[in-house]
Structure formats: structure tokens, C-alpha cells
Amino acid sequence: MATIVRPYGDTLDDGKVQLSFSLPVAEGPKAREAARLIVESWGFRDCEVVHSAPMSEDFTFFVAYAKAQGGIDFELVVADDAREGESMSMDEVDAFIRERIGRKVVVVGACTGFDAHTVGIDAIMNMKGYNHHYGLERYAMIEAHNLGAQVTNERLVEYSAKVKADAILVSQVVTQKDVHIANMTQLVELLEARGERSRYVLVAGGPRLSNKLAIELGYDVGFGRGSYANEVATWVVNRIVDKAKAR
């Protein structure tokens, strides 16, 4: 049976949404009316621009309320998430590695390109971890190498080969003008040019990164916002075992 879901603000199924966006126009009554008309051109009804503020002389930021007209059948939704199913705890991951792999798993992580954000990669790699989830450095059966931020793809590839890594973790936070796509693609191309792509479990992560995009770019998996080290570790060690079986 179909379960149609729609946005709601005050009353179930009223379709009310809040939108925020900017336009390259000076703030004023004409700009607010332009913003309202643009929202209605997107298919929304009963639009009201509730806030506008100049960002500069010729740019304005808007907040608008409006009604969405459509809904979707929730039963037909398929999630694109690498974290499906139960994830092992840190102790369970260590036990799995001892029993199924028999040696330490080597993981190299970095925030690559000109991206200087370390919060994401540190949450996964650093011993203290994040939100009561220890990072990979604390795992007894994982040898974790955190290279930090602004690491070139060339250095990441060379270092991974040097330490005989099993998995490479790439964090990408800056996504303006799709710079993350070019950077992630370059890493895959470097590995392929060296004939080493199949050697690694290649993992991408970032707050605006989807599993679908990561796979399209040649990675094994992608983890988005809210991911923890044990979830990444669970996926990686299972993938290592699966690759060994396939040989």
C-alpha cells in the first residue's frame, strides 16, 4: 500500500517548506518580489518572502516560506547509504581482524588537495574519535596513519605504497565549483596509472558526499555526514575479506 509523504510545517501534509537562496540583485522591494516569483516558478504556491538581507551592493540573501504541491511514496524510496545493517564495535572489529585476516590492517587517511579541514578525517582516524566513538588509531588491530590536511594525491599514493596500506581514506569538505570531484578523480587516475587501484580499499568521506557519487568516481564506498570510525572500519574489514575470497 502506498504511503505518500509530503512536507509539513503547521499541519500534517500542508506542504509548507522554508527555502533560502541568494540572487545577484540589490536588496529592496523589487528584489523581494523577484525572489517570490522565482520560488513560484519552481512549482511552489503561496510564497512569502519573510527575510531579505544585503550580502553586498548587488547581492541579496532571502528566506521564503511556500507550499510544495507534490509528495512521494515512501515505500518506494531506496536509501543510498553505506551504513546499511549493523556495524561492529571497536572490540568486535579487532576480533574480526584477528580471526578473519590474521594481521593488522593498515589504513592511511588524509584530507587531500587544498582542503584544509581536518575535523572529518580526525573524527575517523584520531585516537579520541568523536561523540564517544573512538578513532582508528585506538584499534588494537588497525595501524592507522593520519596524514592530516592539504595532502597532495601524489603524496598520498606514495605514502600508501610505502606503508603497504590496505585501505585509503580520503576526506573532502570543500565542494565549491565541484573541486572535490576533480580532486577525487585525480586520485583514482593516479592509482590506475600505477596499476595499483585494485590493491586498496578506497574510501571517500565528507559532509556533502554520497555513496552513489563516490562509487561513480571509482571509489569502493562513500560515507557522508554523521559517520563514525566503527562504521568505516566495519565496511573496510569486510571488504578486505571479500576481496581475498575473490582472488
Protein backbone atom coordinates (compact mmCIF):
# COMPACT_ATOMS: atom_id res chain seq x y z
CA MET A 1 0.00 0.00 0.00
CA ALA A 2 1.33 3.43 -0.94
CA THR A 3 2.46 5.70 1.88
CA ILE A 4 2.50 9.22 0.43
CA VAL A 5 4.60 11.69 2.41
CA ARG A 6 4.65 15.46 1.99
CA PRO A 7 6.43 18.30 3.80
CA TYR A 8 4.58 19.89 6.67
CA GLY A 9 5.06 22.99 8.79
CA ASP A 10 1.96 23.70 10.88
CA THR A 11 -0.37 20.86 9.91
CA LEU A 12 0.35 17.36 8.62
CA ASP A 13 0.53 17.29 4.81
CA ASP A 14 0.22 21.08 4.44
CA GLY A 15 3.30 21.05 2.14
CA LYS A 16 4.92 24.05 3.81
CA VAL A 17 8.68 24.44 3.33
CA GLN A 18 11.36 27.00 4.12
CA LEU A 19 13.83 27.95 1.39
CA SER A 20 16.96 30.08 1.50
CA PHE A 21 18.91 31.36 -1.52
CA SER A 22 20.69 34.40 -2.91
CA LEU A 23 20.19 36.49 -6.05
CA PRO A 24 22.58 38.87 -7.84
CA VAL A 25 20.36 41.91 -7.26
CA ALA A 26 20.35 44.85 -4.84
CA GLU A 27 18.14 44.42 -1.77
CA GLY A 28 14.76 46.13 -1.91
CA PRO A 29 11.04 45.68 -2.74
CA LYS A 30 11.75 44.71 -6.36
CA ALA A 31 14.31 42.15 -5.26
CA ARG A 32 11.85 40.59 -2.77
CA GLU A 33 9.18 40.37 -5.46
CA ALA A 34 11.69 38.78 -7.83
CA ALA A 35 12.54 36.22 -5.15
CA ARG A 36 8.85 35.43 -4.64
CA LEU A 37 8.24 34.96 -8.37
CA ILE A 38 11.30 32.72 -8.71
CA VAL A 39 10.06 30.44 -5.93
CA GLU A 40 6.65 30.18 -7.60
CA SER A 41 8.35 29.42 -10.93
CA TRP A 42 9.82 26.33 -9.21
CA GLY A 43 6.31 24.97 -8.71
CA PHE A 44 5.67 26.19 -5.16
CA ARG A 45 2.46 28.01 -4.21
CA ASP A 46 1.57 30.73 -1.71
CA CYS A 47 5.12 32.01 -1.44
CA GLU A 48 6.01 34.63 1.14
CA VAL A 49 9.47 36.17 1.39
CA VAL A 50 9.97 36.57 5.14
CA HIS A 51 13.55 37.78 5.22
CA SER A 52 16.00 39.56 2.94
CA ALA A 53 19.41 40.99 3.68
CA PRO A 54 22.12 42.52 1.51
CA MET A 55 25.22 40.39 1.09
CA SER A 56 26.95 43.19 -0.83
CA GLU A 57 25.87 46.08 -3.02
CA ASP A 58 24.49 43.81 -5.75
CA PHE A 59 23.71 40.54 -3.96
CA THR A 60 20.83 39.70 -1.60
CA PHE A 61 20.07 36.74 0.62
CA PHE A 62 16.45 35.61 1.01
CA VAL A 63 14.39 33.32 3.21
CA ALA A 64 10.98 32.33 1.90
CA TYR A 65 8.06 30.17 3.02
CA ALA A 66 5.97 28.35 0.42
CA LYS A 67 3.80 25.30 -0.21
CA ALA A 68 5.09 22.28 -2.08
CA GLN A 69 2.46 20.59 -4.23
CA GLY A 70 3.83 17.08 -4.59
CA GLY A 71 4.57 14.07 -2.43
CA ILE A 72 6.31 10.72 -2.81
CA ASP A 73 5.53 7.11 -2.00
CA PHE A 74 7.85 6.43 0.94
CA GLU A 75 7.63 2.68 0.37
CA LEU A 76 9.41 3.08 -2.99
CA VAL A 77 12.38 5.01 -1.55
CA VAL A 78 15.75 3.23 -1.71
CA ALA A 79 18.43 4.73 0.54
CA ASP A 80 21.92 5.37 -0.81
CA ASP A 81 23.87 4.79 2.39
CA ALA A 82 26.96 2.71 3.04
CA ARG A 83 25.87 2.21 6.66
CA GLU A 84 23.08 -0.27 6.00
CA GLY A 85 22.93 -3.11 8.51
CA GLU A 86 24.62 -3.44 11.87
CA SER A 87 28.13 -2.10 12.38
CA MET A 88 30.61 -3.79 14.66
CA SER A 89 32.01 -2.10 17.76
CA MET A 90 35.72 -1.36 18.09
CA ASP A 91 36.31 -4.58 20.06
CA GLU A 92 34.30 -6.58 17.55
CA VAL A 93 36.31 -5.14 14.66
CA ASP A 94 39.56 -6.08 16.40
CA ALA A 95 38.27 -9.62 17.00
CA PHE A 96 37.11 -9.89 13.38
CA ILE A 97 40.55 -8.87 12.11
CA ARG A 98 42.32 -11.38 14.37
CA GLU A 99 40.05 -14.22 13.30
CA ARG A 100 39.47 -13.46 9.61
CA ILE A 101 42.56 -11.52 8.48
CA GLY A 102 45.22 -12.58 10.96
CA ARG A 103 47.34 -9.43 10.91
CA LYS A 104 46.99 -5.70 11.47
CA VAL A 105 45.04 -3.79 8.83
CA VAL A 106 46.92 -0.73 7.57
CA VAL A 107 44.79 2.36 6.90
CA VAL A 108 46.06 5.69 5.55
CA GLY A 109 43.81 8.75 5.77
CA ALA A 110 44.10 12.34 4.58
CA CYS A 111 42.18 15.45 3.62
CA THR A 112 43.54 15.97 0.13
CA GLY A 113 44.08 18.82 -2.30
CA PHE A 114 43.87 22.39 -0.98
CA ASP A 115 41.18 21.38 1.52
CA ALA A 116 42.42 22.39 4.97
CA HIS A 117 39.63 20.89 7.09
CA THR A 118 40.79 18.19 9.49
CA VAL A 119 37.67 17.70 11.64
CA GLY A 120 36.26 14.92 9.47
CA ILE A 121 39.41 12.89 8.99
CA ASP A 122 40.37 13.38 12.65
CA ALA A 123 36.96 12.12 13.81
CA ILE A 124 37.61 8.87 11.97
CA MET A 125 41.36 8.49 12.49
CA ASN A 126 42.39 10.15 15.77
CA MET A 127 42.52 8.01 18.92
CA LYS A 128 39.97 10.18 20.75
CA GLY A 129 37.50 9.91 17.88
CA TYR A 130 34.18 11.72 18.06
CA ASN A 131 30.96 11.54 20.09
CA HIS A 132 32.01 8.51 22.15
CA HIS A 133 33.23 6.61 19.08
CA TYR A 134 37.00 6.02 19.24
CA GLY A 135 39.05 6.67 16.11
CA LEU A 136 41.02 4.05 14.22
CA GLU A 137 44.28 4.89 16.00
CA ARG A 138 42.81 3.30 19.13
CA TYR A 139 42.01 -0.03 17.46
CA ALA A 140 44.47 -2.72 18.50
CA MET A 141 44.38 -4.44 15.13
CA ILE A 142 44.49 -1.36 12.91
CA GLU A 143 47.67 0.52 12.03
CA ALA A 144 46.31 3.99 11.31
CA HIS A 145 48.27 6.74 9.56
CA ASN A 146 46.63 10.18 9.61
CA LEU A 147 48.43 12.49 7.17
CA GLY A 148 46.28 15.49 8.04
CA ALA A 149 45.11 18.17 5.60
CA GLN A 150 46.27 19.70 2.32
CA VAL A 151 47.89 16.46 1.27
CA THR A 152 48.55 16.07 -2.45
CA ASN A 153 47.21 13.00 -4.18
CA GLU A 154 50.75 12.15 -5.25
CA ARG A 155 52.00 12.15 -1.66
CA LEU A 156 49.03 10.07 -0.50
CA VAL A 157 49.68 7.45 -3.17
CA GLU A 158 53.41 7.30 -2.45
CA TYR A 159 52.90 7.06 1.31
CA SER A 160 50.22 4.37 0.97
CA ALA A 161 52.55 2.26 -1.16
CA LYS A 162 55.41 2.78 1.32
CA VAL A 163 53.47 1.51 4.35
CA LYS A 164 51.70 -1.23 2.34
CA ALA A 165 48.27 0.14 3.10
CA ASP A 166 45.16 -2.00 2.82
CA ALA A 167 42.81 0.98 2.69
CA ILE A 168 43.00 4.66 1.77
CA LEU A 169 40.55 7.11 3.36
CA VAL A 170 40.03 10.44 1.59
CA SER A 171 38.17 13.29 3.32
CA GLN A 172 36.65 16.10 1.25
CA VAL A 173 34.87 19.06 2.83
CA VAL A 174 35.24 21.92 0.34
CA THR A 175 32.89 21.32 -2.61
CA GLN A 176 32.60 24.75 -4.24
CA LYS A 177 32.63 24.52 -8.04
CA ASP A 178 32.87 20.73 -7.64
CA VAL A 179 36.58 20.94 -6.74
CA HIS A 180 36.16 17.72 -4.73
CA ILE A 181 35.11 15.80 -7.82
CA ALA A 182 38.23 16.80 -9.77
CA ASN A 183 40.46 16.02 -6.80
CA MET A 184 38.88 12.64 -6.09
CA THR A 185 39.00 11.71 -9.76
CA GLN A 186 42.70 12.56 -9.96
CA LEU A 187 43.49 10.17 -7.11
CA VAL A 188 41.74 7.29 -8.85
CA GLU A 189 43.54 8.11 -12.10
CA LEU A 190 46.91 8.15 -10.32
CA LEU A 191 46.29 4.72 -8.82
CA GLU A 192 45.10 3.33 -12.15
CA ALA A 193 48.16 4.73 -13.95
CA ARG A 194 50.38 2.89 -11.47
CA GLY A 195 48.35 -0.29 -11.82
CA GLU A 196 47.52 -0.14 -8.10
CA ARG A 197 43.82 0.70 -7.92
CA SER A 198 42.78 -2.87 -7.09
CA ARG A 199 45.41 -3.03 -4.35
CA TYR A 200 43.44 -0.77 -1.99
CA VAL A 201 40.03 -0.42 -0.45
CA LEU A 202 39.34 3.17 -1.47
CA VAL A 203 37.02 5.10 0.85
CA ALA A 204 35.75 8.66 0.47
CA GLY A 205 34.08 10.75 3.15
CA GLY A 206 32.63 14.20 3.62
CA PRO A 207 29.52 16.06 4.78
CA ARG A 208 28.26 16.61 1.22
CA LEU A 209 29.44 13.34 -0.26
CA SER A 210 27.09 10.49 -1.15
CA ASN A 211 27.88 6.82 -1.51
CA LYS A 212 26.50 6.96 -5.06
CA LEU A 213 28.86 9.76 -6.11
CA ALA A 214 31.88 8.03 -4.55
CA ILE A 215 31.18 4.83 -6.47
CA GLU A 216 30.64 6.76 -9.71
CA LEU A 217 34.08 8.33 -9.27
CA GLY A 218 35.77 4.95 -8.84
CA TYR A 219 35.81 4.55 -5.05
CA ASP A 220 34.62 1.46 -3.23
CA VAL A 221 32.35 3.36 -0.88
CA GLY A 222 31.40 6.84 0.34
CA PHE A 223 30.47 7.93 3.86
CA GLY A 224 28.53 11.14 4.47
CA ARG A 225 27.76 13.23 7.50
CA GLY A 226 27.27 11.51 10.85
CA SER A 227 29.59 8.61 10.08
CA TYR A 228 31.74 7.04 12.80
CA ALA A 229 35.04 5.18 12.80
CA ASN A 230 33.50 1.83 13.69
CA GLU A 231 31.14 2.09 10.70
CA VAL A 232 34.03 2.80 8.36
CA ALA A 233 36.14 0.05 9.96
CA THR A 234 33.31 -2.48 9.66
CA TRP A 235 32.94 -1.79 5.95
CA VAL A 236 36.69 -1.84 5.28
CA VAL A 237 37.50 -5.12 7.03
CA ASN A 238 34.54 -6.88 5.41
CA ARG A 239 35.66 -5.59 2.03
CA ILE A 240 39.21 -6.86 2.63
CA VAL A 241 37.87 -10.33 3.41
CA ASP A 242 35.58 -10.27 0.35
CA LYS A 243 38.48 -9.27 -1.91
CA ALA A 244 40.60 -12.11 -0.52
CA LYS A 245 37.83 -14.61 -1.26
CA ALA A 246 37.53 -13.34 -4.83
CA ARG A 247 41.20 -13.93 -5.65
